[in-house]
Each structure stands twice: as structure tokens, then as C-alpha cells.
Amino acid sequence: MSAPAIGYLVSRYPAVSHTFILREVQRLRELGHSIHAASINDPDRAEADMDPVELAEARSTYFIKRDGVRGAAAAVAYWMSTSPLTMLAILRQGQRLAPGGLGLAYAVEAAMIGRWMARTGLKHLHVHFANAAATVSLLVKQLTGCHLSCTVHGPDEFDDVPGQHLARKIASFDRIVCISQFAKGQLMRIGSPQHWDKIEVCRLGVNPADFPRAHRERSAGPIRLLCVGRLTPAKGQFLLVQALARVRERGLDATLTMVGHGPDKARLHAAVRSLGVESHVRFTGPLRQDQVRDAMAAADVFVLPSLAEGIPVVLMEAMATGLPTISTPVNGIPELISHGQSGLLATPGCVDSLVTQIEAVAASTDLQRRLADAGRAKVQSHFDLGVNTARLGEIFRTFPAARIV
């Protein structure tokens, strides 16, 4: 079957923490899909800080807020002249979905996206994350009659089911792609059984060739821990700093490199100072993808003690490079890491458990090797970007190909 042209809508794109979406779009295009990207917000960094692929994508993406008042006025005028009753209904629906000015903003953004789709000849809209952008997409569907699908990641969407209008989204989306069985189960819990058949699992992935297994030789120096991710409470980095101080007190020579930025930065720096481990912790800030690979090649153990997650792509990247990996059995992570086989899982929120896992992997080169071997094998067998994106492409090929008239 031929592949319909598809609009991809994301709240912020490209974004340093969502490189997996860019990789997905690239691979879909390589498979013959026509993908047109739109983003509610501007990228999270300047063009000078982007690599060439990100820069090219940013320059071809339609940025809704960047289009400004002139773009908003043109879009509303277009729909008022072509479908005035529907546009008025969208303005009312926006107020029901969000209070005050936010609801009006959702309606205007929907008009802008709908106008962009009409100009581009798109009948299908796919949204990543069932968040505010997905709320706007409900209005886009009502306005344009487009075929609407969504990739649901979790767990953020599940924190406020009524506020995210998840039940309505499940009913309104034509197809729902979940990155984990956990996410699918949550949607089945929230939505009516009559909609369950539209929900399916299609995992994210990495290209193992982009993350070759690094050759690591343990020296007599400290064991080098690495954590990559946004600095947020959900990632559990505060617990990791506490665990580092604890293992050092117990005699294990260990250092920690923390890659990323986010709202927890000041709190983490304060914790490092208060625990007296400033000389053993390095904060790099956000890094380019090639720099992340270099950091993984230089590390001995990857640790991400998350309190809430989907299935982090960064865990797949670390496992692909042959890094022994420690995380927690929350949400979709056990679908990637089997404790004692492809990685180690600490009890969520428990510093003692995290200390135990760090000490266990540090004490045994045999365990490090076994975890590294099995971790890379798990990524290759279940989380290969090419295989999983091809499956997503086959799902897309079942979508109606007609354009908006």
C-alpha cells in the first residue's frame, strides 16, 4: 500500500531530549514516507548549537508560535471564510478544553495547524505525546476532518487524566501507538473497551550501528558512573548523588558524570556541595549526540534511577554501547531491562537499593561483562530503530491517503 503524506505535530521540535523523534522522522522518510513536521514551540536551543541534521529539520519545520499574530489572523480569517460555523464551534470547544486565554490559544493554534495542513495537502496528523499538542489536535480534527493518530509515551500523560482529557483523546484518535505495553495497559484502563482495538504497541529504538560497542578496560582508578537525562525529580538524579556519597563512605572509589539540564539543576548542585562530593561529580550540561556517545564510551556503568518513565531511549543507547546499566522497575523499563540479565533494577526511591546495585556491578567484572552482552543483545532483538520504525511505517500505510478538500 502507498504511504499517505503525514503531518507530525510535537509541542517542541527539534528538542535535545527528543532526538528519537528526529531519528524516527528521518527513518520514515528513508522508507518512502512523506513527513511534514510542525511544532507548537520553537526549538530548545539556538541554531548555532544544532548539528547539521537538526538544523536542516528546524529550517523545514512549521513553528506555530513563531508564525505570530499575522499567521494567527490569516488562519482564523481563512476558516471563517471557508467554514465559519465550524470555526466558531472550535472557539467554543477551546474554552471547554482549557480555561480563559489558554482555550482561545488552543483554538487559534488549531486553526493555524489546519491551514498549514490544507496548504501542504495533508489529510493525516500524527502527534507525539498525548499532552497539550494532542489537545490542540482534537480541535484540528474537528476543524479539518483529518485522520488523527498519536504516539503515547507516558507517564506524564497519566499524571492528570482529566486535565489531559485522555478519555476524550482515546475516543477521538483514529489510531494510538504506545511505546510500551505498560502505556497500552494504562490507556485500556482509562478508555472504553470499544476503543481498545485502535491501541497497539510499537516500540521506539536506536540504530545499534550508531552506538557501537565500546572497548572498555578497567583501570586501577575509580569506577565511572554516568547519568544522561533532563535534570528533573522524575529522573531520580538526587537519589544518585546520595548513593554516590554513600558508596564512597563505604570505601568504593567512584565518580559521577551527569549530562543534561533542567529545573533540578540548582538542587542537584546544592546536594553535591552539602554531601561533600564536589570533586567526584561533573555536570556537563546538555551535549550533542556525538558527545553523548563519547561520554558513554568513557564510562563504566550507566545509572538512571527513575521514579517515572516511559522507556527511556537513553537506556537503549547505553545498552547498545555495552554499558552495564542500572535503572528502576517503573512503568515500561522492565520491558527493556530484566533484572540480573540485561541490567540491574533498584527499588524506586530507595537509596539503599541503589547503593547495593552500584556496589554489585562495581565488584564483579564478570557481572559487568554479562550485563553488557545481554543488554546489547536485548536492544538488537527488540529495540532496533530500523525494525520498529518499519513497523510504524506499515501502520501508517493503513491510513487513508485522501487529501483535505
Protein backbone atom coordinates (compact mmCIF):
# COMPACT_ATOMS: atom_id res chain seq x y z
CA MET A 1 0.00 0.00 0.00
CA SER A 2 1.16 3.55 -0.72
CA ALA A 3 2.10 5.75 2.20
CA PRO A 4 -0.02 8.87 2.81
CA ALA A 5 1.65 12.20 3.47
CA ILE A 6 1.64 12.78 7.21
CA GLY A 7 1.91 15.87 9.38
CA TYR A 8 3.94 15.31 12.54
CA LEU A 9 2.96 17.58 15.43
CA VAL A 10 5.12 17.94 18.56
CA SER A 11 5.00 20.50 21.37
CA ARG A 12 8.69 21.31 20.81
CA TYR A 13 10.75 20.07 17.88
CA PRO A 14 13.59 19.50 17.42
CA ALA A 15 14.48 19.16 21.10
CA VAL A 16 17.64 17.85 22.70
CA SER A 17 15.69 15.43 24.91
CA HIS A 18 13.61 14.13 21.98
CA THR A 19 16.24 13.22 19.41
CA PHE A 20 14.41 9.90 18.98
CA ILE A 21 11.57 11.73 17.20
CA LEU A 22 14.01 13.22 14.71
CA ARG A 23 15.55 9.79 14.11
CA GLU A 24 12.09 8.32 13.60
CA VAL A 25 11.19 11.01 11.07
CA GLN A 26 14.45 10.50 9.20
CA ARG A 27 13.99 6.74 9.01
CA LEU A 28 10.37 7.06 7.86
CA ARG A 29 11.48 9.34 5.05
CA GLU A 30 14.14 6.82 4.06
CA LEU A 31 11.33 4.25 3.84
CA GLY A 32 9.46 6.46 1.39
CA HIS A 33 7.09 8.31 3.71
CA SER A 34 6.38 12.00 3.20
CA ILE A 35 6.63 13.54 6.66
CA HIS A 36 5.99 17.24 7.31
CA ALA A 37 6.84 18.50 10.81
CA ALA A 38 5.09 21.17 12.85
CA SER A 39 5.99 22.36 16.34
CA ILE A 40 3.94 24.47 18.74
CA ASN A 41 7.08 26.00 20.25
CA ASP A 42 10.49 26.96 18.88
CA PRO A 43 13.45 24.57 19.34
CA ASP A 44 15.01 24.46 22.79
CA ARG A 45 18.35 25.85 21.60
CA ALA A 46 19.85 28.22 19.05
CA GLU A 47 20.69 27.08 15.53
CA ALA A 48 24.40 27.51 16.32
CA ASP A 49 24.09 24.70 18.88
CA MET A 50 22.42 22.24 16.48
CA ASP A 51 24.12 19.60 14.38
CA PRO A 52 23.55 19.75 10.59
CA VAL A 53 20.66 17.28 10.65
CA GLU A 54 18.85 19.15 13.41
CA LEU A 55 19.49 22.45 11.67
CA ALA A 56 18.01 21.21 8.39
CA GLU A 57 14.95 19.88 10.22
CA ALA A 58 14.46 23.11 12.15
CA ARG A 59 14.55 25.10 8.92
CA SER A 60 11.85 22.96 7.30
CA THR A 61 9.52 22.75 10.33
CA TYR A 62 6.42 24.92 10.66
CA PHE A 63 6.58 26.71 14.04
CA ILE A 64 3.12 27.77 15.14
CA LYS A 65 4.02 30.38 17.75
CA ARG A 66 6.76 31.79 15.52
CA ASP A 67 4.12 32.45 12.87
CA GLY A 68 2.82 35.07 15.28
CA VAL A 69 -0.21 37.32 15.23
CA ARG A 70 -0.17 37.70 11.46
CA GLY A 71 -0.22 33.94 10.91
CA ALA A 72 -2.94 33.50 13.53
CA ALA A 73 -5.13 36.18 11.99
CA ALA A 74 -4.68 34.75 8.49
CA ALA A 75 -5.60 31.25 9.68
CA VAL A 76 -8.72 32.36 11.54
CA ALA A 77 -9.78 34.50 8.56
CA TYR A 78 -9.28 31.53 6.23
CA TRP A 79 -11.51 29.26 8.29
CA MET A 80 -14.11 31.98 8.92
CA SER A 81 -14.42 32.39 5.16
CA THR A 82 -14.47 28.68 4.30
CA SER A 83 -16.11 27.03 7.36
CA PRO A 84 -17.42 29.80 9.64
CA LEU A 85 -19.76 27.66 11.73
CA THR A 86 -17.05 25.08 12.33
CA MET A 87 -14.53 27.76 13.27
CA LEU A 88 -16.95 29.26 15.77
CA ALA A 89 -17.55 25.79 17.20
CA ILE A 90 -13.76 25.36 17.56
CA LEU A 91 -13.53 28.59 19.51
CA ARG A 92 -16.24 27.33 21.89
CA GLN A 93 -14.59 23.90 22.18
CA GLY A 94 -11.27 25.51 23.04
CA GLN A 95 -12.90 27.15 26.05
CA ARG A 96 -14.21 23.76 27.19
CA LEU A 97 -10.79 22.16 26.90
CA ALA A 98 -8.91 24.87 28.78
CA PRO A 99 -9.90 27.95 30.77
CA GLY A 100 -9.68 31.53 29.62
CA GLY A 101 -6.97 32.63 27.25
CA LEU A 102 -5.41 29.18 27.04
CA GLY A 103 -8.55 27.73 25.48
CA LEU A 104 -8.62 30.55 22.95
CA ALA A 105 -4.93 29.93 22.19
CA TYR A 106 -5.67 26.24 21.57
CA ALA A 107 -8.42 27.14 19.10
CA VAL A 108 -6.23 29.62 17.22
CA GLU A 109 -3.32 27.16 17.12
CA ALA A 110 -5.70 24.53 15.73
CA ALA A 111 -6.75 26.97 13.01
CA MET A 112 -3.09 27.61 12.15
CA ILE A 113 -2.25 23.92 12.00
CA GLY A 114 -5.35 23.21 9.95
CA ARG A 115 -4.44 25.97 7.50
CA TRP A 116 -0.87 24.58 7.26
CA MET A 117 -2.28 21.12 6.57
CA ALA A 118 -4.58 22.47 3.86
CA ARG A 119 -1.71 24.32 2.19
CA THR A 120 0.52 21.25 2.39
CA GLY A 121 -2.19 18.86 1.23
CA LEU A 122 -2.23 16.75 4.38
CA LYS A 123 -5.14 14.57 5.46
CA HIS A 124 -3.37 12.83 8.30
CA LEU A 125 -1.95 14.29 11.52
CA HIS A 126 0.23 12.30 13.92
CA VAL A 127 1.03 13.70 17.36
CA HIS A 128 3.89 12.66 19.66
CA PHE A 129 2.84 12.66 23.33
CA ALA A 130 -0.78 12.88 24.49
CA ASN A 131 -0.15 16.30 26.03
CA ALA A 132 -1.18 19.88 25.17
CA ALA A 133 -0.27 19.44 21.50
CA ALA A 134 -2.58 16.44 21.39
CA THR A 135 -5.33 18.55 22.95
CA VAL A 136 -4.90 21.05 20.15
CA SER A 137 -5.02 18.18 17.66
CA LEU A 138 -8.55 17.31 18.82
CA LEU A 139 -9.62 20.72 17.58
CA VAL A 140 -7.67 20.27 14.36
CA LYS A 141 -9.60 17.08 13.66
CA GLN A 142 -12.92 18.76 14.37
CA LEU A 143 -11.97 21.64 12.10
CA THR A 144 -10.48 19.73 9.15
CA GLY A 145 -11.88 16.21 9.41
CA CYS A 146 -8.33 14.85 9.30
CA HIS A 147 -7.36 11.33 10.26
CA LEU A 148 -5.71 11.64 13.69
CA SER A 149 -3.22 9.38 15.43
CA CYS A 150 -0.91 9.69 18.41
CA THR A 151 2.16 8.11 19.92
CA VAL A 152 1.62 7.81 23.68
CA HIS A 153 4.74 7.62 25.83
CA GLY A 154 3.72 8.03 29.45
CA PRO A 155 3.93 8.50 32.30
CA ASP A 156 3.39 12.28 32.29
CA GLU A 157 0.12 11.93 30.39
CA PHE A 158 -1.21 9.65 33.14
CA ASP A 159 -0.48 12.11 35.98
CA ASP A 160 -3.55 14.22 35.19
CA VAL A 161 -6.05 12.08 33.28
CA PRO A 162 -8.96 14.57 33.48
CA GLY A 163 -6.77 17.60 32.77
CA GLN A 164 -5.20 15.90 29.76
CA HIS A 165 -8.66 14.83 28.52
CA LEU A 166 -7.28 11.33 28.00
CA ALA A 167 -10.65 9.59 27.79
CA ARG A 168 -11.76 12.03 25.11
CA LYS A 169 -8.47 11.64 23.25
CA ILE A 170 -8.74 7.85 23.27
CA ALA A 171 -12.24 8.14 21.82
CA SER A 172 -11.23 10.74 19.22
CA PHE A 173 -7.91 9.35 17.97
CA ASP A 174 -8.28 7.04 14.97
CA ARG A 175 -5.17 5.07 15.95
CA ILE A 176 -2.99 5.09 19.05
CA VAL A 177 0.59 3.85 19.09
CA CYS A 178 2.06 3.06 22.53
CA ILE A 179 5.79 2.79 23.12
CA SER A 180 5.27 0.17 25.83
CA GLN A 181 2.82 -2.48 26.95
CA PHE A 182 2.58 -0.50 30.19
CA ALA A 183 1.28 2.55 28.32
CA LYS A 184 -1.21 0.43 26.42
CA GLY A 185 -2.50 -1.02 29.67
CA GLN A 186 -2.96 2.44 31.14
CA LEU A 187 -4.97 3.58 28.12
CA MET A 188 -7.11 0.44 28.32
CA ARG A 189 -7.76 1.28 31.98
CA ILE A 190 -8.82 4.82 31.09
CA GLY A 191 -10.69 4.27 27.83
CA SER A 192 -13.79 2.30 26.99
CA PRO A 193 -13.28 -1.30 25.70
CA GLN A 194 -14.93 -0.26 22.44
CA HIS A 195 -11.75 1.72 21.66
CA TRP A 196 -9.19 -0.91 22.69
CA ASP A 197 -8.77 -2.27 19.17
CA LYS A 198 -7.30 1.05 17.98
CA ILE A 199 -4.47 0.84 20.55
CA GLU A 200 -1.28 -1.04 19.68
CA VAL A 201 2.32 -1.26 20.83
CA CYS A 202 5.16 -0.15 18.57
CA ARG A 203 8.37 0.44 20.47
CA LEU A 204 10.97 3.13 19.95
CA GLY A 205 14.53 2.12 19.22
CA VAL A 206 18.09 3.03 18.35
CA ASN A 207 20.33 2.11 15.47
CA PRO A 208 22.95 -0.19 17.03
CA ALA A 209 25.41 0.85 14.31
CA ASP A 210 25.22 4.43 15.62
CA PHE A 211 26.13 3.19 19.11
CA PRO A 212 28.92 0.66 18.53
CA ARG A 213 30.06 -1.36 21.47
CA ALA A 214 32.92 0.45 23.16
CA HIS A 215 36.04 -1.42 24.22
CA ARG A 216 36.45 -0.83 27.94
CA GLU A 217 39.48 -1.71 30.01
CA ARG A 218 39.03 -1.25 33.74
CA SER A 219 41.98 0.61 35.19
CA ALA A 220 43.01 0.94 38.81
CA GLY A 221 41.16 4.26 39.02
CA PRO A 222 37.61 4.96 40.22
CA ILE A 223 34.58 3.29 38.72
CA ARG A 224 33.00 5.86 36.45
CA LEU A 225 29.23 6.28 36.73
CA LEU A 226 27.30 8.10 34.03
CA CYS A 227 23.77 9.52 34.02
CA VAL A 228 22.24 11.18 30.96
CA GLY A 229 18.84 12.85 31.07
CA ARG A 230 16.93 16.00 31.87
CA LEU A 231 17.63 17.20 35.39
CA THR A 232 14.18 16.65 36.85
CA PRO A 233 12.84 14.97 40.01
CA ALA A 234 11.31 12.18 37.90
CA LYS A 235 14.76 11.03 36.76
CA GLY A 236 15.90 10.40 40.35
CA GLN A 237 19.28 12.11 40.00
CA PHE A 238 19.03 13.44 43.57
CA LEU A 239 18.98 9.83 44.77
CA LEU A 240 22.00 9.08 42.60
CA VAL A 241 24.01 11.87 44.21
CA GLN A 242 23.07 10.48 47.63
CA ALA A 243 24.06 6.98 46.53
CA LEU A 244 27.43 8.20 45.25
CA ALA A 245 28.18 9.81 48.62
CA ARG A 246 27.10 6.61 50.38
CA VAL A 247 29.25 4.21 48.31
CA ARG A 248 32.25 6.48 48.75
CA GLU A 249 31.71 6.47 52.52
CA ARG A 250 31.66 2.65 52.32
CA GLY A 251 35.02 2.58 50.55
CA LEU A 252 34.15 2.39 46.85
CA ASP A 253 36.15 4.83 44.75
CA ALA A 254 33.52 6.14 42.33
CA THR A 255 32.88 9.25 40.26
CA LEU A 256 29.75 10.51 38.55
CA THR A 257 29.25 12.40 35.31
CA MET A 258 25.80 13.92 34.90
CA VAL A 259 24.76 15.00 31.40
CA GLY A 260 21.73 17.21 30.83
CA HIS A 261 19.97 20.32 32.01
CA GLY A 262 16.64 21.06 33.59
CA PRO A 263 14.75 22.54 36.54
CA ASP A 264 16.53 20.39 39.15
CA LYS A 265 19.99 21.77 38.32
CA ALA A 266 20.33 24.10 41.33
CA ARG A 267 19.05 21.49 43.78
CA LEU A 268 21.48 18.89 42.48
CA HIS A 269 24.44 21.25 42.70
CA ALA A 270 23.43 22.10 46.26
CA ALA A 271 23.19 18.40 47.14
CA VAL A 272 26.66 17.73 45.74
CA ARG A 273 28.07 20.53 47.89
CA SER A 274 26.23 19.51 51.05
CA LEU A 275 27.35 15.88 50.70
CA GLY A 276 30.95 16.88 50.10
CA VAL A 277 31.37 15.15 46.75
CA GLU A 278 32.10 18.20 44.56
CA SER A 279 35.42 16.77 43.38
CA HIS A 280 33.76 13.50 42.36
CA VAL A 281 30.76 14.81 40.37
CA ARG A 282 30.92 16.55 36.99
CA PHE A 283 27.95 18.35 35.42
CA THR A 284 28.41 18.74 31.67
CA GLY A 285 25.12 20.40 30.74
CA PRO A 286 23.42 19.23 27.52
CA LEU A 287 25.64 17.53 24.95
CA ARG A 288 25.35 16.77 21.25
CA GLN A 289 24.66 13.18 20.29
CA ASP A 290 28.29 12.51 19.32
CA GLN A 291 29.42 13.88 22.68
CA VAL A 292 26.95 11.62 24.50
CA ARG A 293 28.43 8.63 22.67
CA ASP A 294 31.91 9.72 23.77
CA ALA A 295 30.71 10.01 27.38
CA MET A 296 29.24 6.51 27.19
CA ALA A 297 32.49 5.13 25.78
CA ALA A 298 34.39 6.66 28.69
CA ALA A 299 32.06 5.34 31.42
CA ASP A 300 31.95 2.02 33.29
CA VAL A 301 28.31 1.95 34.45
CA PHE A 302 25.20 3.81 33.32
CA VAL A 303 22.72 4.73 36.07
CA LEU A 304 19.23 6.17 35.65
CA PRO A 305 17.27 5.71 38.93
CA SER A 306 13.97 7.00 37.53
CA LEU A 307 10.82 7.45 39.58
CA ALA A 308 8.62 7.73 36.49
CA GLU A 309 9.42 6.91 32.86
CA GLY A 310 8.15 5.56 29.58
CA ILE A 311 11.03 3.50 28.22
CA PRO A 312 13.99 5.90 28.06
CA VAL A 313 15.78 5.79 24.71
CA VAL A 314 18.98 6.79 26.51
CA LEU A 315 18.91 3.41 28.31
CA MET A 316 18.77 1.72 24.89
CA GLU A 317 21.73 3.82 23.74
CA ALA A 318 23.80 2.93 26.81
CA MET A 319 22.98 -0.77 26.50
CA ALA A 320 23.85 -0.72 22.79
CA THR A 321 27.34 0.57 23.63
CA GLY A 322 27.84 -2.31 26.06
CA LEU A 323 27.48 -0.26 29.24
CA PRO A 324 26.24 -2.22 32.26
CA THR A 325 23.04 -0.41 33.16
CA ILE A 326 21.23 0.26 36.43
CA SER A 327 17.70 1.64 36.50
CA THR A 328 14.39 1.01 38.28
CA PRO A 329 11.37 -1.23 37.53
CA VAL A 330 8.95 1.63 36.88
CA ASN A 331 6.38 1.76 34.10
CA GLY A 332 7.88 0.42 30.85
CA ILE A 333 11.50 -0.06 31.95
CA PRO A 334 11.12 -3.78 32.86
CA GLU A 335 10.15 -4.35 29.21
CA LEU A 336 13.73 -3.31 28.37
CA ILE A 337 15.74 -4.43 31.41
CA SER A 338 15.36 -7.83 33.07
CA HIS A 339 16.99 -7.64 36.49
CA GLY A 340 20.21 -9.62 36.71
CA GLN A 341 20.16 -10.38 32.98
CA SER A 342 20.19 -7.32 30.72
CA GLY A 343 20.75 -4.87 33.57
CA LEU A 344 20.10 -4.25 37.25
CA LEU A 345 16.96 -2.71 38.77
CA ALA A 346 16.98 -0.83 42.06
CA THR A 347 13.87 -0.27 44.15
CA PRO A 348 12.41 3.10 43.09
CA GLY A 349 13.12 5.87 45.58
CA CYS A 350 15.39 3.67 47.74
CA VAL A 351 18.98 4.87 48.15
CA ASP A 352 19.99 1.66 49.93
CA SER A 353 18.83 -0.45 46.99
CA LEU A 354 20.64 1.83 44.53
CA VAL A 355 23.83 1.55 46.60
CA THR A 356 23.51 -2.24 46.57
CA GLN A 357 23.24 -2.37 42.77
CA ILE A 358 26.16 0.03 42.23
CA GLU A 359 28.36 -1.95 44.59
CA ALA A 360 27.34 -5.25 42.99
CA VAL A 361 28.27 -4.22 39.46
CA ALA A 362 31.45 -2.48 40.63
CA ALA A 363 32.63 -5.60 42.45
CA SER A 364 32.38 -8.06 39.55
CA THR A 365 33.93 -7.73 36.12
CA ASP A 366 32.13 -10.95 35.20
CA LEU A 367 28.76 -9.35 36.04
CA GLN A 368 29.73 -6.25 34.06
CA ARG A 369 30.51 -8.40 31.02
CA ARG A 370 27.33 -10.46 31.28
CA LEU A 371 25.12 -7.38 31.66
CA ALA A 372 26.89 -5.69 28.76
CA ASP A 373 26.47 -8.69 26.46
CA ALA A 374 22.82 -9.27 27.32
CA GLY A 375 21.96 -5.57 27.28
CA ARG A 376 23.26 -5.04 23.76
CA ALA A 377 21.54 -8.24 22.61
CA LYS A 378 18.22 -7.04 24.04
CA VAL A 379 18.45 -3.77 22.14
CA GLN A 380 19.37 -5.55 18.92
CA SER A 381 16.50 -8.02 19.21
CA HIS A 382 13.66 -5.80 20.45
CA PHE A 383 14.62 -2.12 20.18
CA ASP A 384 16.22 -1.79 16.76
CA LEU A 385 15.22 1.56 15.25
CA GLY A 386 15.09 0.24 11.69
CA VAL A 387 12.85 -2.69 12.52
CA ASN A 388 10.50 -0.77 14.80
CA THR A 389 10.21 2.25 12.51
CA ALA A 390 9.44 -0.04 9.59
CA ARG A 391 6.60 -1.48 11.64
CA LEU A 392 5.36 2.04 12.41
CA GLY A 393 5.54 2.76 8.70
CA GLU A 394 3.35 -0.24 7.98
CA ILE A 395 0.81 1.09 10.47
CA PHE A 396 0.88 4.42 8.66
CA ARG A 397 0.32 2.69 5.32
CA THR A 398 -3.09 1.53 6.54
CA PHE A 399 -4.22 5.15 6.99
CA PRO A 400 -6.49 6.79 4.39
CA ALA A 401 -4.48 8.57 1.73
CA ALA A 402 -7.10 11.10 0.55
CA ARG A 403 -6.30 14.77 0.99
CA ILE A 404 -8.35 17.50 2.58
CA VAL A 405 -10.69 19.10 0.05
